[in-house]
Amino acid sequence: MCRNIKTLFNFDPPATDTEIEASSLQFVRKISGFTKPSKANEAVFEQAIKDVAAIARGLVDSLVTDAPSKNREVETAKAKVRATERFGNAPVNH
């Protein structure tokens, strides 16, 4: 359920709004227990995603570090190697 919640800080290029929104959606799904809310909860669910995304963007933009930025492609390649070692085959992208 939380496959899109990943580290978003200190990457070059920086995290996009799409990445932050995807992580926010997964967070709200996890907290609520809903993959898709009922009509009665839809507005609250969507507002929660927007609120979490805004807070996450503020956090990512406000954090500071002396560490060099990580390269997105290099980190993705490392994750694929770890997944292959762990599961024995290439991960499936959703």
PDB file of N, CA and C in Angstrom:
ATOM      1  N   MET A   1       0.810  -1.197   0.000  1.00  0.00           N
ATOM      2  CA  MET A   1       0.000   0.000   0.000  1.00  0.00           C
ATOM      3  C   MET A   1       0.856   1.264   0.000  1.00  0.00           C
ATOM      4  N   CYS A   2       2.053   1.234   0.546  1.00  0.00           N
ATOM      5  CA  CYS A   2       2.857   2.448   0.696  1.00  0.00           C
ATOM      6  C   CYS A   2       4.049   2.497  -0.245  1.00  0.00           C
ATOM      7  N   ARG A   3       3.923   1.911  -1.399  1.00  0.00           N
ATOM      8  CA  ARG A   3       5.070   1.828  -2.290  1.00  0.00           C
ATOM      9  C   ARG A   3       5.557   3.184  -2.777  1.00  0.00           C
ATOM     10  N   ASN A   4       4.713   4.223  -2.749  1.00  0.00           N
ATOM     11  CA  ASN A   4       5.140   5.532  -3.233  1.00  0.00           C
ATOM     12  C   ASN A   4       5.652   6.446  -2.128  1.00  0.00           C
ATOM     13  N   ILE A   5       5.641   5.964  -0.897  1.00  0.00           N
ATOM     14  CA  ILE A   5       6.225   6.768   0.172  1.00  0.00           C
ATOM     15  C   ILE A   5       7.719   6.459   0.181  1.00  0.00           C
ATOM     16  N   LYS A   6       8.477   7.456  -0.227  1.00  0.00           N
ATOM     17  CA  LYS A   6       9.922   7.278  -0.307  1.00  0.00           C
ATOM     18  C   LYS A   6      10.590   8.565   0.113  1.00  0.00           C
ATOM     19  N   THR A   7      11.879   8.491   0.346  1.00  0.00           N
ATOM     20  CA  THR A   7      12.639   9.677   0.715  1.00  0.00           C
ATOM     21  C   THR A   7      12.570  10.682  -0.431  1.00  0.00           C
ATOM     22  N   LEU A   8      12.217  11.909  -0.100  1.00  0.00           N
ATOM     23  CA  LEU A   8      12.074  12.946  -1.123  1.00  0.00           C
ATOM     24  C   LEU A   8      13.045  14.106  -0.930  1.00  0.00           C
ATOM     25  N   PHE A   9      13.789  14.083   0.158  1.00  0.00           N
ATOM     26  CA  PHE A   9      14.702  15.174   0.468  1.00  0.00           C
ATOM     27  C   PHE A   9      16.105  14.896  -0.056  1.00  0.00           C
ATOM     28  N   ASN A  10      16.745  15.938  -0.493  1.00  0.00           N
ATOM     29  CA  ASN A  10      18.159  15.952  -0.875  1.00  0.00           C
ATOM     30  C   ASN A  10      18.434  15.156  -2.150  1.00  0.00           C
ATOM     31  N   PHE A  11      17.600  15.352  -3.143  1.00  0.00           N
ATOM     32  CA  PHE A  11      17.817  14.743  -4.448  1.00  0.00           C
ATOM     33  C   PHE A  11      18.035  15.815  -5.491  1.00  0.00           C
ATOM     34  N   ASP A  12      18.777  15.446  -6.515  1.00  0.00           N
ATOM     35  CA  ASP A  12      18.971  16.315  -7.664  1.00  0.00           C
ATOM     36  C   ASP A  12      18.498  15.557  -8.890  1.00  0.00           C
ATOM     37  N   PRO A  13      17.454  15.973  -9.550  1.00  0.00           N
ATOM     38  CA  PRO A  13      16.652  17.161  -9.279  1.00  0.00           C
ATOM     39  C   PRO A  13      15.761  16.972  -8.055  1.00  0.00           C
ATOM     40  N   PRO A  14      15.297  18.090  -7.470  1.00  0.00           N
ATOM     41  CA  PRO A  14      14.459  18.021  -6.268  1.00  0.00           C
ATOM     42  C   PRO A  14      13.144  17.278  -6.530  1.00  0.00           C
ATOM     43  N   ALA A  15      12.512  16.864  -5.449  1.00  0.00           N
ATOM     44  CA  ALA A  15      11.223  16.168  -5.536  1.00  0.00           C
ATOM     45  C   ALA A  15      10.204  17.033  -6.269  1.00  0.00           C
ATOM     46  N   THR A  16       9.441  16.376  -7.129  1.00  0.00           N
ATOM     47  CA  THR A  16       8.393  17.080  -7.877  1.00  0.00           C
ATOM     48  C   THR A  16       7.104  17.089  -7.068  1.00  0.00           C
ATOM     49  N   ASP A  17       6.182  17.959  -7.457  1.00  0.00           N
ATOM     50  CA  ASP A  17       4.870  17.985  -6.814  1.00  0.00           C
ATOM     51  C   ASP A  17       4.157  16.652  -7.015  1.00  0.00           C
ATOM     52  N   THR A  18       4.351  16.022  -8.166  1.00  0.00           N
ATOM     53  CA  THR A  18       3.726  14.729  -8.443  1.00  0.00           C
ATOM     54  C   THR A  18       4.222  13.667  -7.465  1.00  0.00           C
ATOM     55  N   GLU A  19       5.526  13.652  -7.187  1.00  0.00           N
ATOM     56  CA  GLU A  19       6.077  12.686  -6.227  1.00  0.00           C
ATOM     57  C   GLU A  19       5.533  12.935  -4.820  1.00  0.00           C
ATOM     58  N   ILE A  20       5.447  14.196  -4.438  1.00  0.00           N
ATOM     59  CA  ILE A  20       4.930  14.533  -3.114  1.00  0.00           C
ATOM     60  C   ILE A  20       3.457  14.167  -3.014  1.00  0.00           C
ATOM     61  N   GLU A  21       2.680  14.431  -4.058  1.00  0.00           N
ATOM     62  CA  GLU A  21       1.257  14.070  -4.044  1.00  0.00           C
ATOM     63  C   GLU A  21       1.067  12.551  -3.990  1.00  0.00           C
ATOM     64  N   ALA A  22       1.905  11.795  -4.705  1.00  0.00           N
ATOM     65  CA  ALA A  22       1.813  10.326  -4.674  1.00  0.00           C
ATOM     66  C   ALA A  22       2.110   9.807  -3.272  1.00  0.00           C
ATOM     67  N   SER A  23       3.118  10.350  -2.626  1.00  0.00           N
ATOM     68  CA  SER A  23       3.436   9.940  -1.264  1.00  0.00           C
ATOM     69  C   SER A  23       2.316  10.324  -0.304  1.00  0.00           C
ATOM     70  N   SER A  24       1.749  11.500  -0.504  1.00  0.00           N
ATOM     71  CA  SER A  24       0.654  11.965   0.350  1.00  0.00           C
ATOM     72  C   SER A  24      -0.577  11.072   0.204  1.00  0.00           C
ATOM     73  N   LEU A  25      -0.889  10.685  -1.027  1.00  0.00           N
ATOM     74  CA  LEU A  25      -2.005   9.780  -1.267  1.00  0.00           C
ATOM     75  C   LEU A  25      -1.791   8.459  -0.532  1.00  0.00           C
ATOM     76  N   GLN A  26      -0.599   7.891  -0.634  1.00  0.00           N
ATOM     77  CA  GLN A  26      -0.314   6.622   0.032  1.00  0.00           C
ATOM     78  C   GLN A  26      -0.385   6.770   1.551  1.00  0.00           C
ATOM     79  N   PHE A  27       0.076   7.890   2.073  1.00  0.00           N
ATOM     80  CA  PHE A  27       0.017   8.141   3.512  1.00  0.00           C
ATOM     81  C   PHE A  27      -1.432   8.201   3.983  1.00  0.00           C
ATOM     82  N   VAL A  28      -2.258   8.953   3.275  1.00  0.00           N
ATOM     83  CA  VAL A  28      -3.667   9.080   3.658  1.00  0.00           C
ATOM     84  C   VAL A  28      -4.377   7.732   3.527  1.00  0.00           C
ATOM     85  N   ARG A  29      -4.057   6.974   2.496  1.00  0.00           N
ATOM     86  CA  ARG A  29      -4.632   5.632   2.357  1.00  0.00           C
ATOM     87  C   ARG A  29      -4.263   4.758   3.552  1.00  0.00           C
ATOM     88  N   LYS A  30      -3.002   4.808   3.952  1.00  0.00           N
ATOM     89  CA  LYS A  30      -2.531   3.980   5.059  1.00  0.00           C
ATOM     90  C   LYS A  30      -3.226   4.379   6.356  1.00  0.00           C
ATOM     91  N   ILE A  31      -3.267   5.666   6.633  1.00  0.00           N
ATOM     92  CA  ILE A  31      -3.863   6.158   7.873  1.00  0.00           C
ATOM     93  C   ILE A  31      -5.363   5.852   7.923  1.00  0.00           C
ATOM     94  N   SER A  32      -6.062   6.071   6.806  1.00  0.00           N
ATOM     95  CA  SER A  32      -7.519   5.894   6.786  1.00  0.00           C
ATOM     96  C   SER A  32      -7.941   4.435   6.641  1.00  0.00           C
ATOM     97  N   GLY A  33      -7.075   3.629   6.014  1.00  0.00           N
ATOM     98  CA  GLY A  33      -7.452   2.247   5.736  1.00  0.00           C
ATOM     99  C   GLY A  33      -8.262   2.101   4.465  1.00  0.00           C
ATOM    100  N   PHE A  34      -8.447   3.196   3.741  1.00  0.00           N
ATOM    101  CA  PHE A  34      -9.211   3.180   2.492  1.00  0.00           C
ATOM    102  C   PHE A  34      -8.284   3.278   1.292  1.00  0.00           C
ATOM    103  N   THR A  35      -8.491   2.424   0.310  1.00  0.00           N
ATOM    104  CA  THR A  35      -7.811   2.593  -0.963  1.00  0.00           C
ATOM    105  C   THR A  35      -8.555   3.659  -1.753  1.00  0.00           C
ATOM    106  N   LYS A  36      -9.874   3.563  -1.694  1.00  0.00           N
ATOM    107  CA  LYS A  36     -10.746   4.555  -2.304  1.00  0.00           C
ATOM    108  C   LYS A  36     -11.866   4.825  -1.309  1.00  0.00           C
ATOM    109  N   PRO A  37     -12.052   6.087  -0.922  1.00  0.00           N
ATOM    110  CA  PRO A  37     -13.079   6.378   0.085  1.00  0.00           C
ATOM    111  C   PRO A  37     -14.491   6.286  -0.486  1.00  0.00           C
ATOM    112  N   SER A  38     -15.445   6.134   0.417  1.00  0.00           N
ATOM    113  CA  SER A  38     -16.851   6.181   0.018  1.00  0.00           C
ATOM    114  C   SER A  38     -17.193   7.609  -0.392  1.00  0.00           C
ATOM    115  N   LYS A  39     -18.325   7.773  -1.044  1.00  0.00           N
ATOM    116  CA  LYS A  39     -18.770   9.131  -1.436  1.00  0.00           C
ATOM    117  C   LYS A  39     -18.876  10.031  -0.218  1.00  0.00           C
ATOM    118  N   ALA A  40     -19.312   9.471   0.905  1.00  0.00           N
ATOM    119  CA  ALA A  40     -19.472  10.260   2.129  1.00  0.00           C
ATOM    120  C   ALA A  40     -18.133  10.791   2.642  1.00  0.00           C
ATOM    121  N   ASN A  41     -17.049  10.081   2.375  1.00  0.00           N
ATOM    122  CA  ASN A  41     -15.719  10.474   2.862  1.00  0.00           C
ATOM    123  C   ASN A  41     -14.815  11.060   1.787  1.00  0.00           C
ATOM    124  N   GLU A  42     -15.293  11.120   0.561  1.00  0.00           N
ATOM    125  CA  GLU A  42     -14.444  11.535  -0.554  1.00  0.00           C
ATOM    126  C   GLU A  42     -13.858  12.937  -0.388  1.00  0.00           C
ATOM    127  N   ALA A  43     -14.665  13.911  -0.004  1.00  0.00           N
ATOM    128  CA  ALA A  43     -14.179  15.295   0.120  1.00  0.00           C
ATOM    129  C   ALA A  43     -13.130  15.409   1.223  1.00  0.00           C
ATOM    130  N   VAL A  44     -13.378  14.756   2.347  1.00  0.00           N
ATOM    131  CA  VAL A  44     -12.430  14.794   3.461  1.00  0.00           C
ATOM    132  C   VAL A  44     -11.127  14.098   3.077  1.00  0.00           C
ATOM    133  N   PHE A  45     -11.235  12.979   2.378  1.00  0.00           N
ATOM    134  CA  PHE A  45     -10.071  12.218   1.916  1.00  0.00           C
ATOM    135  C   PHE A  45      -9.220  13.074   0.986  1.00  0.00           C
ATOM    136  N   GLU A  46      -9.853  13.706   0.002  1.00  0.00           N
ATOM    137  CA  GLU A  46      -9.123  14.561  -0.955  1.00  0.00           C
ATOM    138  C   GLU A  46      -8.498  15.760  -0.267  1.00  0.00           C
ATOM    139  N   GLN A  47      -9.194  16.347   0.705  1.00  0.00           N
ATOM    140  CA  GLN A  47      -8.633  17.489   1.437  1.00  0.00           C
ATOM    141  C   GLN A  47      -7.428  17.054   2.263  1.00  0.00           C
ATOM    142  N   ALA A  48      -7.506  15.870   2.841  1.00  0.00           N
ATOM    143  CA  ALA A  48      -6.376  15.360   3.621  1.00  0.00           C
ATOM    144  C   ALA A  48      -5.145  15.183   2.735  1.00  0.00           C
ATOM    145  N   ILE A  49      -5.337  14.685   1.521  1.00  0.00           N
ATOM    146  CA  ILE A  49      -4.211  14.523   0.587  1.00  0.00           C
ATOM    147  C   ILE A  49      -3.577  15.879   0.295  1.00  0.00           C
ATOM    148  N   LYS A  50      -4.400  16.886   0.033  1.00  0.00           N
ATOM    149  CA  LYS A  50      -3.884  18.231  -0.245  1.00  0.00           C
ATOM    150  C   LYS A  50      -3.139  18.793   0.958  1.00  0.00           C
ATOM    151  N   ASP A  51      -3.714  18.603   2.156  1.00  0.00           N
ATOM    152  CA  ASP A  51      -3.082  19.115   3.373  1.00  0.00           C
ATOM    153  C   ASP A  51      -1.732  18.443   3.626  1.00  0.00           C
ATOM    154  N   VAL A  52      -1.701  17.126   3.511  1.00  0.00           N
ATOM    155  CA  VAL A  52      -0.446  16.392   3.726  1.00  0.00           C
ATOM    156  C   VAL A  52       0.594  16.804   2.687  1.00  0.00           C
ATOM    157  N   ALA A  53       0.177  16.955   1.443  1.00  0.00           N
ATOM    158  CA  ALA A  53       1.112  17.363   0.380  1.00  0.00           C
ATOM    159  C   ALA A  53       1.694  18.744   0.665  1.00  0.00           C
ATOM    160  N   ALA A  54       0.862  19.660   1.124  1.00  0.00           N
ATOM    161  CA  ALA A  54       1.351  21.014   1.423  1.00  0.00           C
ATOM    162  C   ALA A  54       2.359  20.986   2.571  1.00  0.00           C
ATOM    163  N   ILE A  55       2.069  20.215   3.593  1.00  0.00           N
ATOM    164  CA  ILE A  55       2.982  20.106   4.729  1.00  0.00           C
ATOM    165  C   ILE A  55       4.279  19.419   4.297  1.00  0.00           C
ATOM    166  N   ALA A  56       4.165  18.361   3.501  1.00  0.00           N
ATOM    167  CA  ALA A  56       5.355  17.649   3.026  1.00  0.00           C
ATOM    168  C   ALA A  56       6.222  18.563   2.162  1.00  0.00           C
ATOM    169  N   ARG A  57       5.605  19.344   1.282  1.00  0.00           N
ATOM    170  CA  ARG A  57       6.365  20.273   0.437  1.00  0.00           C
ATOM    171  C   ARG A  57       7.094  21.278   1.312  1.00  0.00           C
ATOM    172  N   GLY A  58       6.406  21.822   2.306  1.00  0.00           N
ATOM    173  CA  GLY A  58       7.047  22.773   3.219  1.00  0.00           C
ATOM    174  C   GLY A  58       8.218  22.159   3.952  1.00  0.00           C
ATOM    175  N   LEU A  59       8.051  20.920   4.394  1.00  0.00           N
ATOM    176  CA  LEU A  59       9.135  20.223   5.085  1.00  0.00           C
ATOM    177  C   LEU A  59      10.330  20.011   4.165  1.00  0.00           C
ATOM    178  N   VAL A  60      10.095  19.432   3.001  1.00  0.00           N
ATOM    179  CA  VAL A  60      11.187  19.143   2.061  1.00  0.00           C
ATOM    180  C   VAL A  60      11.914  20.424   1.660  1.00  0.00           C
ATOM    181  N   ASP A  61      11.167  21.490   1.457  1.00  0.00           N
ATOM    182  CA  ASP A  61      11.781  22.757   1.049  1.00  0.00           C
ATOM    183  C   ASP A  61      12.528  23.453   2.186  1.00  0.00           C
ATOM    184  N   SER A  62      12.200  23.123   3.436  1.00  0.00           N
ATOM    185  CA  SER A  62      12.810  23.797   4.581  1.00  0.00           C
ATOM    186  C   SER A  62      14.002  23.061   5.170  1.00  0.00           C
ATOM    187  N   LEU A  63      14.115  21.766   4.915  1.00  0.00           N
ATOM    188  CA  LEU A  63      15.225  20.990   5.469  1.00  0.00           C
ATOM    189  C   LEU A  63      16.557  21.443   4.873  1.00  0.00           C
ATOM    190  N   VAL A  64      17.599  21.367   5.678  1.00  0.00           N
ATOM    191  CA  VAL A  64      18.946  21.723   5.208  1.00  0.00           C
ATOM    192  C   VAL A  64      19.912  20.586   5.524  1.00  0.00           C
ATOM    193  N   THR A  65      20.950  20.483   4.730  1.00  0.00           N
ATOM    194  CA  THR A  65      21.988  19.471   4.950  1.00  0.00           C
ATOM    195  C   THR A  65      23.283  19.919   4.295  1.00  0.00           C
ATOM    196  N   ASP A  66      24.377  19.424   4.827  1.00  0.00           N
ATOM    197  CA  ASP A  66      25.682  19.648   4.203  1.00  0.00           C
ATOM    198  C   ASP A  66      26.043  18.504   3.268  1.00  0.00           C
ATOM    199  N   ALA A  67      25.250  17.432   3.301  1.00  0.00           N
ATOM    200  CA  ALA A  67      25.521  16.264   2.452  1.00  0.00           C
ATOM    201  C   ALA A  67      25.250  16.616   0.990  1.00  0.00           C
ATOM    202  N   PRO A  68      26.025  16.049   0.091  1.00  0.00           N
ATOM    203  CA  PRO A  68      25.760  16.308  -1.331  1.00  0.00           C
ATOM    204  C   PRO A  68      24.427  15.687  -1.741  1.00  0.00           C
ATOM    205  N   SER A  69      23.787  16.314  -2.715  1.00  0.00           N
ATOM    206  CA  SER A  69      22.514  15.787  -3.218  1.00  0.00           C
ATOM    207  C   SER A  69      22.724  14.420  -3.837  1.00  0.00           C
ATOM    208  N   LYS A  70      21.724  13.549  -3.651  1.00  0.00           N
ATOM    209  CA  LYS A  70      21.782  12.218  -4.251  1.00  0.00           C
ATOM    210  C   LYS A  70      21.264  12.289  -5.681  1.00  0.00           C
ATOM    211  N   ASN A  71      21.851  11.472  -6.529  1.00  0.00           N
ATOM    212  CA  ASN A  71      21.416  11.392  -7.919  1.00  0.00           C
ATOM    213  C   ASN A  71      20.253  10.415  -8.009  1.00  0.00           C
ATOM    214  N   ARG A  72      19.142  10.867  -8.540  1.00  0.00           N
ATOM    215  CA  ARG A  72      17.923  10.079  -8.604  1.00  0.00           C
ATOM    216  C   ARG A  72      18.117   8.771  -9.375  1.00  0.00           C
ATOM    217  N   GLU A  73      18.810   8.831 -10.510  1.00  0.00           N
ATOM    218  CA  GLU A  73      19.005   7.638 -11.331  1.00  0.00           C
ATOM    219  C   GLU A  73      19.887   6.611 -10.623  1.00  0.00           C
ATOM    220  N   VAL A  74      20.933   7.088  -9.960  1.00  0.00           N
ATOM    221  CA  VAL A  74      21.831   6.187  -9.230  1.00  0.00           C
ATOM    222  C   VAL A  74      21.077   5.502  -8.093  1.00  0.00           C
ATOM    223  N   GLU A  75      20.281   6.259  -7.351  1.00  0.00           N
ATOM    224  CA  GLU A  75      19.525   5.687  -6.233  1.00  0.00           C
ATOM    225  C   GLU A  75      18.467   4.700  -6.725  1.00  0.00           C
ATOM    226  N   THR A  76      17.842   4.986  -7.865  1.00  0.00           N
ATOM    227  CA  THR A  76      16.869   4.058  -8.449  1.00  0.00           C
ATOM    228  C   THR A  76      17.547   2.758  -8.851  1.00  0.00           C
ATOM    229  N   ALA A  77      18.718   2.858  -9.449  1.00  0.00           N
ATOM    230  CA  ALA A  77      19.466   1.656  -9.847  1.00  0.00           C
ATOM    231  C   ALA A  77      19.846   0.827  -8.619  1.00  0.00           C
ATOM    232  N   LYS A  78      20.290   1.481  -7.551  1.00  0.00           N
ATOM    233  CA  LYS A  78      20.634   0.769  -6.321  1.00  0.00           C
ATOM    234  C   LYS A  78      19.418   0.044  -5.755  1.00  0.00           C
ATOM    235  N   ALA A  79      18.260   0.696  -5.783  1.00  0.00           N
ATOM    236  CA  ALA A  79      17.032   0.087  -5.266  1.00  0.00           C
ATOM    237  C   ALA A  79      16.644  -1.140  -6.085  1.00  0.00           C
ATOM    238  N   LYS A  80      16.828  -1.070  -7.396  1.00  0.00           N
ATOM    239  CA  LYS A  80      16.512  -2.223  -8.250  1.00  0.00           C
ATOM    240  C   LYS A  80      17.429  -3.398  -7.949  1.00  0.00           C
ATOM    241  N   VAL A  81      18.701  -3.115  -7.708  1.00  0.00           N
ATOM    242  CA  VAL A  81      19.648  -4.178  -7.357  1.00  0.00           C
ATOM    243  C   VAL A  81      19.240  -4.812  -6.027  1.00  0.00           C
ATOM    244  N   ARG A  82      18.909  -3.970  -5.038  1.00  0.00           N
ATOM    245  CA  ARG A  82      18.483  -4.502  -3.734  1.00  0.00           C
ATOM    246  C   ARG A  82      17.233  -5.364  -3.877  1.00  0.00           C
ATOM    247  N   ALA A  83      16.272  -4.908  -4.689  1.00  0.00           N
ATOM    248  CA  ALA A  83      15.036  -5.672  -4.891  1.00  0.00           C
ATOM    249  C   ALA A  83      15.321  -7.003  -5.576  1.00  0.00           C
ATOM    250  N   THR A  84      16.212  -6.993  -6.548  1.00  0.00           N
ATOM    251  CA  THR A  84      16.575  -8.235  -7.244  1.00  0.00           C
ATOM    252  C   THR A  84      17.243  -9.207  -6.278  1.00  0.00           C
ATOM    253  N   GLU A  85      18.142  -8.685  -5.449  1.00  0.00           N
ATOM    254  CA  GLU A  85      18.807  -9.543  -4.464  1.00  0.00           C
ATOM    255  C   GLU A  85      17.806 -10.096  -3.452  1.00  0.00           C
ATOM    256  N   ARG A  86      16.851  -9.283  -3.071  1.00  0.00           N
ATOM    257  CA  ARG A  86      15.877  -9.693  -2.055  1.00  0.00           C
ATOM    258  C   ARG A  86      14.830 -10.644  -2.614  1.00  0.00           C
ATOM    259  N   PHE A  87      14.313 -10.343  -3.796  1.00  0.00           N
ATOM    260  CA  PHE A  87      13.186 -11.102  -4.337  1.00  0.00           C
ATOM    261  C   PHE A  87      13.569 -12.049  -5.470  1.00  0.00           C
ATOM    262  N   GLY A  88      14.785 -11.936  -5.985  1.00  0.00           N
ATOM    263  CA  GLY A  88      15.244 -12.856  -7.015  1.00  0.00           C
ATOM    264  C   GLY A  88      14.819 -12.524  -8.417  1.00  0.00           C
ATOM    265  N   ASN A  89      14.126 -11.420  -8.624  1.00  0.00           N
ATOM    266  CA  ASN A  89      13.766 -10.999  -9.981  1.00  0.00           C
ATOM    267  C   ASN A  89      13.596  -9.494 -10.003  1.00  0.00           C
ATOM    268  N   ALA A  90      13.453  -8.963 -11.194  1.00  0.00           N
ATOM    269  CA  ALA A  90      13.308  -7.516 -11.352  1.00  0.00           C
ATOM    270  C   ALA A  90      11.995  -7.060 -10.766  1.00  0.00           C
ATOM    271  N   PRO A  91      11.975  -5.902 -10.076  1.00  0.00           N
ATOM    272  CA  PRO A  91      10.724  -5.388  -9.509  1.00  0.00           C
ATOM    273  C   PRO A  91       9.764  -4.964 -10.614  1.00  0.00           C
ATOM    274  N   VAL A  92       8.490  -5.021 -10.312  1.00  0.00           N
ATOM    275  CA  VAL A  92       7.450  -4.614 -11.257  1.00  0.00           C
ATOM    276  C   VAL A  92       7.089  -3.174 -10.957  1.00  0.00           C
ATOM    277  N   ASN A  93       7.131  -2.313 -11.960  1.00  0.00           N
ATOM    278  CA  ASN A  93       6.719  -0.909 -11.790  1.00  0.00           C
ATOM    279  C   ASN A  93       5.228  -0.803 -11.956  1.00  0.00           C
ATOM    280  N   HIS A  94       4.606  -0.062 -11.044  1.00  0.00           N
ATOM    281  CA  HIS A  94       3.146   0.145 -11.104  1.00  0.00           C
ATOM    282  C   HIS A  94       2.848   1.543 -11.520  1.00  0.00           C
TER     283      HIS A  94
END
